[in-house]
Amino acid sequence: MKNRYVNEPIKGIGCKKFFFVVLVLFLAGVCRAQERKYSTFYYQRATLFEELPVTSHDIIFLGNSITNGAEWSELFHNKHVKNRGISGDICMGVYDRLDAILKGKPAKIFLLIGINDVSRGTVADTIVARIGLIVQKIKADSPKTKLYLQSVLPVTDHYGMFKGHTSRWQVVPEINRGLVRLAEKEGVTYIDLYAHFVDGQTGKMDTAYTNDGLHLLGKGYRKWVEIVKPYIGKK
């Protein structure tokens, strides 16, 4: 008996037309993937931030996973200190989500971004230029907001993790020198976190503050709070 599932044309659609439809759907999927510039987590968190309020009393910590990892309001015992970090974020990712923050005209923004750009092979001058775009947008859209430009933290290859980041540890001081110049040019405050976290012997992150070479332990966050606390209450 002939198997009716073998060698029969697809009912209602010819084979050529069927494969054309499949091709169109595939190409549409590729286009959608190309349109999505950032990770799934980025959009989950960015859309959450669009729903959360920002007011002129708020102090925003803005950045990538290193910022994302802290409970800022608890660390500072201040409900107005808010976390706007997204794990994996890059300079242009921050730039693209600024509107949700700046519409609230926050009192202060503490920005730390750039190390994920390093992992993508982006050169220091380009990273500084992209951070410059963020600075200029903040100044233009919320001129009363006090901006604190924090240095990129050191990293270490001691643990053999996050090799894309940690193998290029020498780029970080170059970025920070550029950020010093940027802060002077734009009239914003530069905060040197790097000097407090670097091991003077190796030029890399002090292993007392990290267990993977990139992210901070609790002790590291306590150190960060200690450094920036004088700026939190400053008028």
Protein backbone atom coordinates (compact mmCIF):
# COMPACT_ATOMS: atom_id res chain seq x y z
CA MET A 1 0.00 0.00 0.00
CA LYS A 2 1.34 3.41 -0.95
CA ASN A 3 2.35 5.59 1.95
CA ARG A 4 0.32 8.74 1.51
CA TYR A 5 2.86 10.80 3.46
CA VAL A 6 5.67 10.16 0.98
CA ASN A 7 6.19 12.06 -2.27
CA GLU A 8 2.83 13.82 -2.10
CA PRO A 9 2.76 17.55 -2.84
CA ILE A 10 1.80 19.74 0.09
CA LYS A 11 -1.89 20.43 -0.26
CA GLY A 12 -2.81 24.02 -0.97
CA ILE A 13 0.77 25.12 -1.63
CA GLY A 14 3.37 24.07 -4.19
CA CYS A 15 6.83 22.99 -3.09
CA LYS A 16 8.52 26.03 -4.60
CA LYS A 17 6.05 28.34 -2.95
CA PHE A 18 6.45 26.50 0.36
CA PHE A 19 10.23 26.93 0.35
CA PHE A 20 9.81 30.59 -0.61
CA VAL A 21 7.58 31.12 2.43
CA VAL A 22 10.14 29.38 4.66
CA LEU A 23 12.89 31.59 3.24
CA VAL A 24 10.87 34.75 3.86
CA LEU A 25 10.16 33.73 7.44
CA PHE A 26 13.84 32.94 8.01
CA LEU A 27 14.96 36.29 6.63
CA ALA A 28 12.34 38.07 8.75
CA GLY A 29 13.74 36.34 11.82
CA VAL A 30 17.27 37.41 10.91
CA CYS A 31 16.12 41.01 10.45
CA ARG A 32 14.40 40.98 13.85
CA ALA A 33 17.57 39.64 15.46
CA GLN A 34 19.60 42.38 13.82
CA GLU A 35 17.14 45.04 14.97
CA ARG A 36 17.56 43.89 18.59
CA LYS A 37 20.81 45.63 19.53
CA TYR A 38 21.14 44.33 23.08
CA SER A 39 20.51 41.25 25.21
CA THR A 40 17.16 39.91 26.36
CA PHE A 41 18.08 40.89 29.92
CA TYR A 42 18.85 44.43 28.78
CA TYR A 43 15.30 44.87 27.48
CA GLN A 44 13.76 43.20 30.53
CA ARG A 45 15.50 45.61 32.85
CA ALA A 46 15.34 48.69 30.62
CA THR A 47 11.57 48.34 30.25
CA LEU A 48 11.29 47.92 34.03
CA PHE A 49 13.18 51.19 34.48
CA GLU A 50 10.73 52.88 32.12
CA GLU A 51 7.95 51.95 34.55
CA LEU A 52 9.77 53.06 37.70
CA PRO A 53 9.67 56.70 38.78
CA VAL A 54 12.64 59.04 38.98
CA THR A 55 12.28 62.35 40.78
CA SER A 56 14.40 65.43 41.34
CA HIS A 57 15.25 64.08 44.82
CA ASP A 58 16.77 60.86 43.46
CA ILE A 59 20.40 59.80 43.16
CA ILE A 60 20.98 57.36 40.31
CA PHE A 61 23.75 54.79 40.07
CA LEU A 62 24.01 54.05 36.36
CA GLY A 63 26.09 51.37 34.68
CA ASN A 64 26.55 47.66 33.96
CA SER A 65 26.64 44.49 36.09
CA ILE A 66 29.04 46.02 38.60
CA THR A 67 26.43 48.68 39.38
CA ASN A 68 23.57 46.22 38.92
CA GLY A 69 25.01 43.98 41.65
CA ALA A 70 24.58 46.39 44.56
CA GLU A 71 21.66 47.21 46.83
CA TRP A 72 22.40 50.92 46.76
CA SER A 73 19.51 52.22 48.84
CA GLU A 74 20.42 49.81 51.65
CA LEU A 75 24.13 50.52 51.44
CA PHE A 76 23.50 54.25 51.81
CA HIS A 77 20.42 53.90 54.05
CA ASN A 78 18.69 56.24 51.64
CA LYS A 79 15.55 55.39 49.66
CA HIS A 80 16.39 58.03 47.07
CA VAL A 81 19.56 56.22 45.95
CA LYS A 82 18.38 54.08 43.04
CA ASN A 83 19.96 51.31 40.97
CA ARG A 84 19.89 51.71 37.19
CA GLY A 85 22.55 49.15 36.33
CA ILE A 86 22.09 46.48 33.67
CA SER A 87 24.36 43.45 33.54
CA GLY A 88 26.29 43.30 30.28
CA ASP A 89 25.57 46.91 29.36
CA ILE A 90 27.87 48.95 27.15
CA CYS A 91 28.30 52.68 26.60
CA MET A 92 25.73 52.99 23.84
CA GLY A 93 23.31 50.79 25.77
CA VAL A 94 23.39 53.35 28.58
CA TYR A 95 23.01 56.18 26.06
CA ASP A 96 19.96 54.53 24.48
CA ARG A 97 18.10 54.25 27.80
CA LEU A 98 18.86 57.68 29.26
CA ASP A 99 15.42 59.12 28.52
CA ALA A 100 13.74 56.97 31.19
CA ILE A 101 16.12 58.48 33.75
CA LEU A 102 16.47 62.05 32.56
CA LYS A 103 12.73 62.70 32.26
CA GLY A 104 12.68 62.69 36.09
CA LYS A 105 15.48 65.29 36.34
CA PRO A 106 17.37 63.40 39.09
CA ALA A 107 19.50 65.32 41.56
CA LYS A 108 22.65 63.27 40.85
CA ILE A 109 23.92 60.53 38.56
CA PHE A 110 26.93 58.36 39.36
CA LEU A 111 28.06 56.81 36.07
CA LEU A 112 30.36 53.80 35.71
CA ILE A 113 30.54 52.20 32.26
CA GLY A 114 33.05 50.91 29.72
CA ILE A 115 34.50 47.55 30.78
CA ASN A 116 32.12 45.54 28.57
CA ASP A 117 33.19 47.69 25.63
CA VAL A 118 36.76 46.67 26.48
CA SER A 119 35.77 43.00 26.24
CA ARG A 120 34.47 43.66 22.71
CA GLY A 121 37.85 44.97 21.64
CA THR A 122 36.82 48.62 21.52
CA VAL A 123 39.80 50.97 21.84
CA ALA A 124 40.10 53.41 24.74
CA ASP A 125 39.56 56.58 22.70
CA THR A 126 36.29 55.25 21.28
CA ILE A 127 35.05 54.24 24.73
CA VAL A 128 35.83 57.71 26.10
CA ALA A 129 34.10 59.33 23.10
CA ARG A 130 30.96 57.25 23.70
CA ILE A 131 30.96 58.16 27.37
CA GLY A 132 31.27 61.74 26.19
CA LEU A 133 27.98 61.32 24.31
CA ILE A 134 26.33 60.18 27.55
CA VAL A 135 27.74 63.18 29.42
CA GLN A 136 26.56 65.62 26.77
CA LYS A 137 23.05 64.17 26.70
CA ILE A 138 22.72 64.34 30.48
CA LYS A 139 23.87 67.97 30.47
CA ALA A 140 21.52 68.88 27.62
CA ASP A 141 18.39 67.08 28.83
CA SER A 142 18.76 67.55 32.58
CA PRO A 143 21.15 70.48 33.15
CA LYS A 144 20.50 70.69 36.91
CA THR A 145 21.55 67.07 37.44
CA LYS A 146 24.96 66.78 39.08
CA LEU A 147 27.01 64.17 37.19
CA TYR A 148 29.79 62.15 38.78
CA LEU A 149 32.00 60.37 36.26
CA GLN A 150 33.51 57.35 38.00
CA SER A 151 36.71 55.73 36.76
CA VAL A 152 36.54 52.25 35.30
CA LEU A 153 37.55 49.70 37.92
CA PRO A 154 40.63 47.52 37.47
CA VAL A 155 40.23 43.84 36.57
CA THR A 156 42.44 40.80 37.15
CA ASP A 157 43.12 37.59 35.25
CA HIS A 158 44.04 35.86 38.53
CA TYR A 159 40.93 33.62 38.40
CA GLY A 160 41.05 32.80 34.68
CA MET A 161 37.48 34.04 34.22
CA PHE A 162 35.98 36.71 31.94
CA LYS A 163 39.05 36.51 29.73
CA GLY A 164 37.65 39.00 27.22
CA HIS A 165 37.69 41.60 29.98
CA THR A 166 40.63 40.58 32.11
CA SER A 167 43.13 39.86 29.33
CA ARG A 168 42.92 43.52 28.31
CA TRP A 169 43.46 44.94 31.79
CA GLN A 170 46.09 47.40 30.46
CA VAL A 171 43.37 49.31 28.56
CA VAL A 172 41.63 50.44 31.76
CA PRO A 173 44.20 53.07 32.89
CA GLU A 174 44.16 54.48 29.34
CA ILE A 175 40.38 54.88 29.51
CA ASN A 176 40.62 56.55 32.91
CA ARG A 177 43.16 59.08 31.68
CA GLY A 178 40.71 59.92 28.93
CA LEU A 179 37.89 60.25 31.47
CA VAL A 180 39.94 62.74 33.49
CA ARG A 181 40.31 64.89 30.37
CA LEU A 182 36.62 64.45 29.53
CA ALA A 183 35.52 65.52 33.02
CA GLU A 184 37.68 68.64 32.82
CA LYS A 185 36.36 69.49 29.36
CA GLU A 186 32.69 69.00 30.28
CA GLY A 187 32.90 70.49 33.77
CA VAL A 188 31.74 67.36 35.61
CA THR A 189 33.19 65.69 38.70
CA TYR A 190 35.59 62.79 38.22
CA ILE A 191 35.82 60.16 40.98
CA ASP A 192 38.88 57.92 41.00
CA LEU A 193 37.66 54.50 42.12
CA TYR A 194 40.51 52.75 40.32
CA ALA A 195 43.25 53.85 42.74
CA HIS A 196 41.37 52.32 45.68
CA PHE A 197 40.90 48.90 44.06
CA VAL A 198 44.13 48.33 42.18
CA ASP A 199 46.97 46.18 43.50
CA GLY A 200 50.01 48.42 43.29
CA GLN A 201 52.29 45.44 42.68
CA THR A 202 50.45 43.99 39.69
CA GLY A 203 48.43 46.90 38.32
CA LYS A 204 45.36 44.66 38.43
CA MET A 205 42.31 44.41 40.69
CA ASP A 206 43.18 43.59 44.29
CA THR A 207 41.89 40.04 44.81
CA ALA A 208 40.54 41.04 48.23
CA TYR A 209 37.65 42.74 46.40
CA THR A 210 36.68 40.14 43.78
CA ASN A 211 36.30 36.40 43.33
CA ASP A 212 36.08 36.33 39.53
CA GLY A 213 38.38 39.13 38.41
CA LEU A 214 35.60 41.47 37.27
CA HIS A 215 32.74 41.74 39.76
CA LEU A 216 32.88 42.91 43.34
CA LEU A 217 32.48 41.10 46.63
CA GLY A 218 30.61 42.73 49.50
CA LYS A 219 33.87 44.20 50.78
CA GLY A 220 34.32 45.87 47.41
CA TYR A 221 30.91 47.50 47.55
CA ARG A 222 31.64 48.74 51.07
CA LYS A 223 34.84 50.31 49.75
CA TRP A 224 32.92 51.92 46.87
CA VAL A 225 30.37 53.39 49.25
CA GLU A 226 33.16 54.74 51.45
CA ILE A 227 34.70 56.52 48.44
CA VAL A 228 31.55 58.13 47.06
CA LYS A 229 29.66 58.79 50.31
CA PRO A 230 31.04 62.35 50.65
CA TYR A 231 29.49 63.18 47.27
CA ILE A 232 26.05 61.76 48.14
CA GLY A 233 25.15 64.46 50.66
CA LYS A 234 27.10 67.21 48.93
CA LYS A 235 24.97 70.09 47.67
